[in-house]
Amino acid sequence: MKLNSFDDIDLQILDILQEDADVPDKRIAERVGLSPSSVLARLRKLKSEGIIRRYVAILDEEKLQRSTVAYVFVTLSRHDVKIARSFVKKIRGNPFVMECSHITGKADYLLRVVARDIPQYREILMERIVPMREIESVQTWFVLKTEKRETRLPIRGDLLDARGGKK
């Protein structure tokens, strides 16, 4: 399903769910002006097509003592498909790596790593990341304070320009 094949009601439903995935179907139906059964049918379609991948709870990192965040630039030992696949497979198995992005520039990958504190980050780095034979080098930047962190995808942005003004 292409984004431009969505109707406005699909986008409204997705927007509501991004705000709060725990909203009952009946409440969604009231907000978009459909019956609960119609909303349920649309939700099933969005799930079956993979548009809605899963529902999750967003946890408070500080309250769970996981507020040390590091961005780690990783350079692989060689630009080789097998090496990249092996690296990604290992990273996917590391629960402290919250995100892994293949990037352009001097490094090959950017990792977002969470830890309890700097000593735990050092342990993760030295025991789980640096020993990977696929890695040539790593560089770490620590987050002092996160000013904005959003999980909501701007799916209705075609109505606004990048500055937030109407087109």
Foldseek 3Di string as FASTA:
>chain_A
DDLVVDDPLLVQLLQVCQVPVPDQLCVSCVVSVHHSVVSVVSVVVCCVVCVCPDHDDDDDCVVVLFPKKKKKFFAWPDPDPVLVVVLVVLLVVDPQFPDWDQDDDPGGIITIGTDNDDVRVVCCCVPRNVVRNGTDDMDMDIDPDDPDDGPDDPSVCVQADPVRHGD
